[in-house]
C-alpha atoms as a PDB file:
ATOM      1  CA  MET A   1      54.101  64.204 186.571  1.00  0.00           C
ATOM      2  CA  ILE A   2      50.773  64.748 184.798  1.00  0.00           C
ATOM      3  CA  PRO A   3      49.284  68.237 185.365  1.00  0.00           C
ATOM      4  CA  THR A   4      46.009  68.406 187.279  1.00  0.00           C
ATOM      5  CA  ASN A   5      44.174  70.192 184.469  1.00  0.00           C
ATOM      6  CA  ILE A   6      44.321  67.255 182.055  1.00  0.00           C
ATOM      7  CA  ILE A   7      41.409  65.242 180.672  1.00  0.00           C
ATOM      8  CA  THR A   8      41.550  62.249 178.344  1.00  0.00           C
ATOM      9  CA  ILE A   9      39.565  61.984 175.135  1.00  0.00           C
ATOM     10  CA  TYR A  10      39.343  59.096 172.678  1.00  0.00           C
ATOM     11  CA  GLY A  11      38.325  58.265 169.123  1.00  0.00           C
ATOM     12  CA  ARG A  12      40.228  58.871 165.891  1.00  0.00           C
ATOM     13  CA  LYS A  13      38.192  61.710 164.363  1.00  0.00           C
ATOM     14  CA  PRO A  14      37.952  63.787 167.588  1.00  0.00           C
ATOM     15  CA  ILE A  15      41.672  63.347 168.240  1.00  0.00           C
ATOM     16  CA  ALA A  16      42.555  64.259 164.644  1.00  0.00           C
ATOM     17  CA  GLU A  17      40.595  67.514 165.073  1.00  0.00           C
ATOM     18  CA  VAL A  18      42.227  68.270 168.424  1.00  0.00           C
ATOM     19  CA  ILE A  19      45.774  67.654 167.198  1.00  0.00           C
ATOM     20  CA  ASP A  20      45.192  69.913 164.194  1.00  0.00           C
ATOM     21  CA  ASN A  21      44.105  72.704 166.551  1.00  0.00           C
ATOM     22  CA  GLN A  22      47.318  74.473 167.552  1.00  0.00           C
ATOM     23  CA  ALA A  23      45.474  76.381 170.299  1.00  0.00           C
ATOM     24  CA  ILE A  24      44.906  73.189 172.290  1.00  0.00           C
ATOM     25  CA  ASN A  25      47.788  71.983 174.422  1.00  0.00           C
ATOM     26  CA  ILE A  26      48.258  68.229 174.228  1.00  0.00           C
ATOM     27  CA  TRP A  27      50.095  66.277 176.890  1.00  0.00           C
ATOM     28  CA  ARG A  28      50.355  62.797 175.386  1.00  0.00           C
ATOM     29  CA  LEU A  29      48.998  60.551 172.624  1.00  0.00           C
ATOM     30  CA  HIS A  30      48.188  56.930 173.502  1.00  0.00           C
ATOM     31  CA  LEU A  31      48.000  54.145 170.892  1.00  0.00           C
ATOM     32  CA  SER A  32      47.097  50.485 171.099  1.00  0.00           C
ATOM     33  CA  LYS A  33      49.748  48.128 169.747  1.00  0.00           C
ATOM     34  CA  THR A  34      46.949  46.201 168.040  1.00  0.00           C
ATOM     35  CA  ASN A  35      46.036  49.111 165.757  1.00  0.00           C
ATOM     36  CA  LYS A  36      46.100  48.412 162.040  1.00  0.00           C
ATOM     37  CA  GLN A  37      47.400  51.049 159.679  1.00  0.00           C
ATOM     38  CA  SER A  38      44.857  53.517 158.332  1.00  0.00           C
ATOM     39  CA  ILE A  39      44.966  56.907 156.637  1.00  0.00           C
ATOM     40  CA  ILE A  40      43.490  58.830 159.580  1.00  0.00           C
ATOM     41  CA  LEU A  41      45.730  57.040 162.098  1.00  0.00           C
ATOM     42  CA  ASN A  42      48.831  57.876 160.061  1.00  0.00           C
ATOM     43  CA  GLN A  43      47.665  61.498 159.810  1.00  0.00           C
ATOM     44  CA  ILE A  44      47.265  61.676 163.596  1.00  0.00           C
ATOM     45  CA  ILE A  45      50.705  60.182 164.233  1.00  0.00           C
ATOM     46  CA  ASN A  46      52.413  62.470 161.709  1.00  0.00           C
ATOM     47  CA  ALA A  47      50.655  65.537 163.140  1.00  0.00           C
ATOM     48  CA  ALA A  48      51.660  64.510 166.675  1.00  0.00           C
ATOM     49  CA  LYS A  49      55.285  64.128 165.617  1.00  0.00           C
ATOM     50  CA  LYS A  50      55.290  67.572 163.993  1.00  0.00           C
ATOM     51  CA  ARG A  51      54.027  69.053 167.261  1.00  0.00           C
ATOM     52  CA  ASN A  52      56.553  67.033 169.300  1.00  0.00           C
ATOM     53  CA  ILE A  53      53.747  65.347 171.231  1.00  0.00           C
ATOM     54  CA  GLU A  54      54.828  62.290 173.194  1.00  0.00           C
ATOM     55  CA  ILE A  55      53.440  59.076 171.672  1.00  0.00           C
ATOM     56  CA  VAL A  56      53.074  56.023 173.913  1.00  0.00           C
ATOM     57  CA  GLU A  57      52.058  52.517 172.807  1.00  0.00           C
ATOM     58  CA  HIS A  58      50.073  50.215 175.093  1.00  0.00           C
ATOM     59  CA  SER A  59      48.474  46.807 175.093  1.00  0.00           C
ATOM     60  CA  ARG A  60      44.797  46.855 174.138  1.00  0.00           C
ATOM     61  CA  LYS A  61      43.846  46.302 177.768  1.00  0.00           C
ATOM     62  CA  GLN A  62      46.052  49.146 178.982  1.00  0.00           C
ATOM     63  CA  LEU A  63      44.642  51.499 176.342  1.00  0.00           C
ATOM     64  CA  SER A  64      41.073  50.717 177.388  1.00  0.00           C
ATOM     65  CA  PHE A  65      42.018  51.498 180.989  1.00  0.00           C
ATOM     66  CA  ILE A  66      43.284  54.909 179.862  1.00  0.00           C
ATOM     67  CA  SER A  67      40.331  55.731 177.605  1.00  0.00           C
ATOM     68  CA  LYS A  68      37.721  54.257 179.980  1.00  0.00           C
ATOM     69  CA  ASN A  69      35.692  53.361 176.886  1.00  0.00           C
ATOM     70  CA  MET A  70      36.970  50.267 175.079  1.00  0.00           C
ATOM     71  CA  ARG A  71      33.930  50.047 172.809  1.00  0.00           C
ATOM     72  CA  GLN A  72      34.405  53.503 171.315  1.00  0.00           C
ATOM     73  CA  ASP A  73      38.047  54.479 171.739  1.00  0.00           C
ATOM     74  CA  GLN A  74      39.134  52.932 168.380  1.00  0.00           C
ATOM     75  CA  GLY A  75      42.510  52.068 169.874  1.00  0.00           C
ATOM     76  CA  ILE A  76      43.537  55.657 170.562  1.00  0.00           C
ATOM     77  CA  ALA A  77      43.359  58.185 173.391  1.00  0.00           C
ATOM     78  CA  CYS A  78      44.798  61.613 174.001  1.00  0.00           C
ATOM     79  CA  ASP A  79      45.527  63.682 177.118  1.00  0.00           C
ATOM     80  CA  ILE A  80      44.594  67.321 176.561  1.00  0.00           C
ATOM     81  CA  GLU A  81      44.849  70.387 178.746  1.00  0.00           C
ATOM     82  CA  LEU A  82      41.919  72.489 179.937  1.00  0.00           C
ATOM     83  CA  PRO A  83      43.807  75.732 180.659  1.00  0.00           C
ATOM     84  CA  LYS A  84      41.374  77.104 183.249  1.00  0.00           C
ATOM     85  CA  MET A  85      40.550  73.882 185.085  1.00  0.00           C
ATOM     86  CA  LYS A  86      41.638  73.849 188.726  1.00  0.00           C
ATOM     87  CA  SER A  87      40.838  72.387 192.115  1.00  0.00           C
ATOM     88  CA  PHE A  88      37.884  73.932 193.948  1.00  0.00           C
ATOM     89  CA  ASN A  89      39.847  73.666 197.191  1.00  0.00           C
ATOM     90  CA  ASP A  90      42.521  75.913 195.701  1.00  0.00           C
ATOM     91  CA  TYR A  91      39.949  78.352 194.344  1.00  0.00           C
ATOM     92  CA  LEU A  92      37.662  78.607 197.384  1.00  0.00           C
ATOM     93  CA  PRO A  93      39.975  80.833 199.492  1.00  0.00           C
ATOM     94  CA  LYS A  94      39.813  83.454 196.725  1.00  0.00           C
ATOM     95  CA  LEU A  95      36.029  83.735 196.953  1.00  0.00           C
ATOM     96  CA  LYS A  96      35.108  86.646 199.140  1.00  0.00           C
ATOM     97  CA  ASN A  97      32.034  88.643 200.063  1.00  0.00           C
ATOM     98  CA  PRO A  98      30.513  91.134 199.547  1.00  0.00           C
ATOM     99  CA  ASN A  99      31.644  90.551 195.947  1.00  0.00           C
ATOM    100  CA  LYS A 100      28.587  89.887 193.813  1.00  0.00           C
ATOM    101  CA  GLY A 101      30.031  86.994 191.827  1.00  0.00           C
ATOM    102  CA  PHE A 102      28.328  83.720 191.071  1.00  0.00           C
ATOM    103  CA  LEU A 103      29.256  80.140 190.287  1.00  0.00           C
ATOM    104  CA  PHE A 104      27.336  77.042 189.280  1.00  0.00           C
ATOM    105  CA  ALA A 105      27.549  73.524 190.674  1.00  0.00           C
ATOM    106  CA  LEU A 106      26.355  70.511 188.687  1.00  0.00           C
ATOM    107  CA  ASP A 107      24.679  67.915 190.879  1.00  0.00           C
ATOM    108  CA  GLY A 108      24.430  64.626 188.982  1.00  0.00           C
ATOM    109  CA  VAL A 109      24.656  66.081 185.460  1.00  0.00           C
ATOM    110  CA  THR A 110      26.542  63.281 183.714  1.00  0.00           C
ATOM    111  CA  ASN A 111      25.087  62.978 180.208  1.00  0.00           C
ATOM    112  CA  PRO A 112      27.992  64.136 177.980  1.00  0.00           C
ATOM    113  CA  GLN A 113      25.822  66.106 175.575  1.00  0.00           C
ATOM    114  CA  ASN A 114      23.919  67.870 178.368  1.00  0.00           C
ATOM    115  CA  LEU A 115      27.206  68.473 180.162  1.00  0.00           C
ATOM    116  CA  GLY A 116      28.787  70.047 177.074  1.00  0.00           C
ATOM    117  CA  MET A 117      25.802  72.259 176.296  1.00  0.00           C
ATOM    118  CA  THR A 118      25.565  73.358 179.936  1.00  0.00           C
ATOM    119  CA  ILE A 119      29.248  74.293 179.979  1.00  0.00           C
ATOM    120  CA  ARG A 120      28.734  76.248 176.753  1.00  0.00           C
ATOM    121  CA  SER A 121      25.780  78.177 178.220  1.00  0.00           C
ATOM    122  CA  LEU A 122      27.581  79.032 181.448  1.00  0.00           C
ATOM    123  CA  THR A 123      30.856  79.961 179.767  1.00  0.00           C
ATOM    124  CA  ALA A 124      28.965  82.456 177.616  1.00  0.00           C
ATOM    125  CA  SER A 125      27.818  84.249 180.785  1.00  0.00           C
ATOM    126  CA  SER A 126      29.785  86.071 183.490  1.00  0.00           C
ATOM    127  CA  CYS A 127      29.732  82.929 185.656  1.00  0.00           C
ATOM    128  CA  ASP A 128      32.939  82.709 187.710  1.00  0.00           C
ATOM    129  CA  GLY A 129      33.267  78.926 187.594  1.00  0.00           C
ATOM    130  CA  ILE A 130      31.547  75.572 187.124  1.00  0.00           C
ATOM    131  CA  LEU A 131      31.865  73.119 189.986  1.00  0.00           C
ATOM    132  CA  ILE A 132      31.867  69.410 189.126  1.00  0.00           C
ATOM    133  CA  ASN A 133      33.083  66.332 190.944  1.00  0.00           C
ATOM    134  CA  ALA A 134      36.140  64.378 189.829  1.00  0.00           C
ATOM    135  CA  LYS A 135      34.055  61.422 188.618  1.00  0.00           C
ATOM    136  CA  THR A 136      32.295  63.683 186.124  1.00  0.00           C
ATOM    137  CA  LEU A 137      35.600  64.330 184.339  1.00  0.00           C
ATOM    138  CA  LYS A 138      35.236  61.015 182.524  1.00  0.00           C
ATOM    139  CA  ASN A 139      32.053  62.403 180.946  1.00  0.00           C
ATOM    140  CA  LEU A 140      33.990  65.274 179.368  1.00  0.00           C
ATOM    141  CA  SER A 141      34.184  63.071 176.301  1.00  0.00           C
ATOM    142  CA  PRO A 142      34.458  63.965 172.596  1.00  0.00           C
ATOM    143  CA  LEU A 143      30.647  64.259 172.575  1.00  0.00           C
ATOM    144  CA  ALA A 144      30.738  66.734 175.477  1.00  0.00           C
ATOM    145  CA  ILE A 145      33.512  68.746 173.806  1.00  0.00           C
ATOM    146  CA  LYS A 146      31.549  68.873 170.558  1.00  0.00           C
ATOM    147  CA  ALA A 147      28.364  69.893 172.381  1.00  0.00           C
ATOM    148  CA  SER A 148      30.292  72.684 174.106  1.00  0.00           C
ATOM    149  CA  ALA A 149      31.351  74.011 170.679  1.00  0.00           C
ATOM    150  CA  GLY A 150      34.888  74.321 172.013  1.00  0.00           C
ATOM    151  CA  SER A 151      33.876  76.547 174.929  1.00  0.00           C
ATOM    152  CA  ILE A 152      35.146  73.901 177.344  1.00  0.00           C
ATOM    153  CA  PHE A 153      38.681  75.154 176.601  1.00  0.00           C
ATOM    154  CA  LYS A 154      37.660  78.646 177.762  1.00  0.00           C
ATOM    155  CA  SER A 155      35.644  77.596 180.798  1.00  0.00           C
ATOM    156  CA  LYS A 156      36.778  77.728 184.412  1.00  0.00           C
ATOM    157  CA  ILE A 157      36.069  74.151 185.515  1.00  0.00           C
ATOM    158  CA  LEU A 158      36.421  73.702 189.284  1.00  0.00           C
ATOM    159  CA  VAL A 159      36.933  70.099 190.359  1.00  0.00           C
ATOM    160  CA  CYS A 160      36.031  68.662 193.756  1.00  0.00           C
ATOM    161  CA  GLU A 161      35.856  65.138 195.138  1.00  0.00           C
ATOM    162  CA  ASN A 162      32.256  65.534 196.285  1.00  0.00           C
ATOM    163  CA  VAL A 163      29.846  68.336 195.353  1.00  0.00           C
ATOM    164  CA  SER A 164      27.990  68.162 198.672  1.00  0.00           C
ATOM    165  CA  ASP A 165      31.186  68.535 200.701  1.00  0.00           C
ATOM    166  CA  ALA A 166      32.320  71.413 198.490  1.00  0.00           C
ATOM    167  CA  LEU A 167      29.020  73.215 199.029  1.00  0.00           C
ATOM    168  CA  VAL A 168      29.305  72.756 202.790  1.00  0.00           C
ATOM    169  CA  ASP A 169      32.768  74.351 202.602  1.00  0.00           C
ATOM    170  CA  ALA A 170      31.287  77.205 200.559  1.00  0.00           C
ATOM    171  CA  ARG A 171      28.614  77.829 203.201  1.00  0.00           C
ATOM    172  CA  LYS A 172      31.361  78.047 205.821  1.00  0.00           C
ATOM    173  CA  LYS A 173      32.911  80.833 203.730  1.00  0.00           C
ATOM    174  CA  ASP A 174      29.579  82.715 203.937  1.00  0.00           C
ATOM    175  CA  LEU A 175      28.654  82.005 200.333  1.00  0.00           C
ATOM    176  CA  ASP A 176      24.995  81.417 199.554  1.00  0.00           C
ATOM    177  CA  VAL A 177      24.125  78.030 198.051  1.00  0.00           C
ATOM    178  CA  ILE A 178      20.958  78.257 195.970  1.00  0.00           C
ATOM    179  CA  ALA A 179      19.298  75.181 194.489  1.00  0.00           C
ATOM    180  CA  LEU A 180      17.245  75.414 191.299  1.00  0.00           C
ATOM    181  CA  CYS A 181      14.067  73.451 192.063  1.00  0.00           C
ATOM    182  CA  SER A 182      10.858  73.361 190.071  1.00  0.00           C
ATOM    183  CA  ASN A 183       8.786  73.194 193.273  1.00  0.00           C
ATOM    184  CA  SER A 184      10.440  76.209 194.895  1.00  0.00           C
ATOM    185  CA  LYS A 185       8.061  79.027 195.867  1.00  0.00           C
ATOM    186  CA  ASN A 186      10.682  81.643 195.023  1.00  0.00           C
ATOM    187  CA  SER A 187      10.781  82.857 191.431  1.00  0.00           C
ATOM    188  CA  ILE A 188      14.074  83.716 189.811  1.00  0.00           C
ATOM    189  CA  LYS A 189      12.322  86.793 188.404  1.00  0.00           C
ATOM    190  CA  ASN A 190      12.323  88.343 191.873  1.00  0.00           C
ATOM    191  CA  PHE A 191      15.896  87.421 192.771  1.00  0.00           C
ATOM    192  CA  VAL A 192      18.622  90.036 193.197  1.00  0.00           C
ATOM    193  CA  LEU A 193      22.237  88.982 193.566  1.00  0.00           C
ATOM    194  CA  THR A 194      23.691  90.646 196.676  1.00  0.00           C
ATOM    195  CA  LYS A 195      26.636  88.391 197.551  1.00  0.00           C
ATOM    196  CA  THR A 196      28.808  85.675 196.066  1.00  0.00           C
ATOM    197  CA  SER A 197      26.572  82.666 195.469  1.00  0.00           C
ATOM    198  CA  ILE A 198      26.680  79.151 194.051  1.00  0.00           C
ATOM    199  CA  PHE A 199      23.659  78.036 192.048  1.00  0.00           C
ATOM    200  CA  VAL A 200      23.081  74.297 191.842  1.00  0.00           C
ATOM    201  CA  LEU A 201      21.602  72.488 188.838  1.00  0.00           C
ATOM    202  CA  GLY A 202      20.417  68.885 189.026  1.00  0.00           C
ATOM    203  CA  ASN A 203      19.843  66.411 186.221  1.00  0.00           C
ATOM    204  CA  GLU A 204      16.569  66.119 184.294  1.00  0.00           C
ATOM    205  CA  THR A 205      15.585  62.790 185.820  1.00  0.00           C
ATOM    206  CA  THR A 206      15.997  63.298 189.555  1.00  0.00           C
ATOM    207  CA  GLY A 207      16.718  67.010 189.857  1.00  0.00           C
ATOM    208  CA  ILE A 208      18.629  68.242 192.891  1.00  0.00           C
ATOM    209  CA  SER A 209      19.618  65.487 195.324  1.00  0.00           C
ATOM    210  CA  GLU A 210      18.085  65.559 198.793  1.00  0.00           C
ATOM    211  CA  GLU A 211      21.539  65.963 200.317  1.00  0.00           C
ATOM    212  CA  VAL A 212      22.275  69.079 198.302  1.00  0.00           C
ATOM    213  CA  ARG A 213      18.803  70.475 198.910  1.00  0.00           C
ATOM    214  CA  ASN A 214      19.446  70.243 202.641  1.00  0.00           C
ATOM    215  CA  ILE A 215      22.752  72.089 202.277  1.00  0.00           C
ATOM    216  CA  ALA A 216      21.272  74.925 200.225  1.00  0.00           C
ATOM    217  CA  ASN A 217      20.143  77.962 202.180  1.00  0.00           C
ATOM    218  CA  ALA A 218      17.701  79.019 199.437  1.00  0.00           C
ATOM    219  CA  THR A 219      15.856  77.670 196.393  1.00  0.00           C
ATOM    220  CA  LEU A 220      14.655  79.269 193.175  1.00  0.00           C
ATOM    221  CA  ASN A 221      12.367  78.218 190.346  1.00  0.00           C
ATOM    222  CA  ILE A 222      12.146  79.243 186.709  1.00  0.00           C
ATOM    223  CA  PRO A 223       8.458  80.051 186.028  1.00  0.00           C
ATOM    224  CA  LEU A 224       7.138  77.883 183.182  1.00  0.00           C
ATOM    225  CA  MET A 225       3.945  78.175 181.159  1.00  0.00           C
ATOM    226  CA  ASN A 226       1.644  75.920 179.142  1.00  0.00           C
ATOM    227  CA  GLU A 227       1.984  73.037 181.620  1.00  0.00           C
ATOM    228  CA  VAL A 228       5.629  72.463 180.733  1.00  0.00           C
ATOM    229  CA  GLU A 229       7.138  70.854 183.829  1.00  0.00           C
ATOM    230  CA  SER A 230      10.865  71.278 183.259  1.00  0.00           C
ATOM    231  CA  LEU A 231      13.606  72.529 180.966  1.00  0.00           C
ATOM    232  CA  ASN A 232      16.731  70.867 179.646  1.00  0.00           C
ATOM    233  CA  VAL A 233      19.561  71.462 182.119  1.00  0.00           C
ATOM    234  CA  ALA A 234      21.540  73.505 179.582  1.00  0.00           C
ATOM    235  CA  VAL A 235      18.550  75.758 178.947  1.00  0.00           C
ATOM    236  CA  SER A 236      18.009  76.133 182.692  1.00  0.00           C
ATOM    237  CA  ALA A 237      21.674  77.044 183.047  1.00  0.00           C
ATOM    238  CA  ALA A 238      21.456  79.721 180.352  1.00  0.00           C
ATOM    239  CA  VAL A 239      18.229  81.256 181.662  1.00  0.00           C
ATOM    240  CA  THR A 240      19.496  81.315 185.237  1.00  0.00           C
ATOM    241  CA  ALA A 241      23.002  82.613 184.484  1.00  0.00           C
ATOM    242  CA  PHE A 242      21.879  85.521 182.346  1.00  0.00           C
ATOM    243  CA  MET A 243      19.074  86.531 184.689  1.00  0.00           C
ATOM    244  CA  ILE A 244      21.450  86.338 187.658  1.00  0.00           C
ATOM    245  CA  GLN A 245      24.172  88.427 186.017  1.00  0.00           C
ATOM    246  CA  ASP A 246      21.566  91.051 185.139  1.00  0.00           C
ATOM    247  CA  SER A 247      20.204  91.048 188.699  1.00  0.00           C
ATOM    248  CA  GLY A 248      23.653  91.886 190.074  1.00  0.00           C
ATOM    249  CA  ALA A 249      24.479  94.486 187.458  1.00  0.00           C
ATOM    250  CA  ASN A 250      23.772  97.384 189.746  1.00  0.00           C
END
């Protein structure tokens, strides 16, 4: 049975780097039977054997189903463990007030590079967890891992089926749900963290979805100058997380 904290990456160079990293737990290595011999492929296989990693061969079609990216997988995929990843449903009962903790939820942030940089920013803060939906897991690709500078292996990723439903459940637990919106009248500069809260970040194109906005019981904006309308989601995450942790310091 495959553990629930497993994601699948692909590509020969990223997998070679992962297998050489003894700190990363690897569940299984997948190879296409159509692969031709190459130096890097032989290095990967030899390294996997030394670490006693299970190696499974598949048809090209089966491998593409596993990697979910036939154009870029180069005939190889690898199941790796994110040690702190868990189900939000399992984690939610542990969230209590009046603890002044905070989490972040990502609403529609799917670009792998933005996703990786956002995870890096939030992991560097005292954020208690990053809520994403299960479909977003496929975007935790080699590009996302690289953009996270490896922080993804230290981050508490909380997985749900649907972000909106998870936020509704959080509201029922008396957690505040706060959406970051550029048109909010409430500045983050004036915010003080008084209870466990989930801050929601949307993507750069559409921002927070209307559904999530309706669930949120408050909104905040990051004041911008010089007619700049928005920030990259990873920058917004960093600014918000560090200002929030400082606001709850006392």
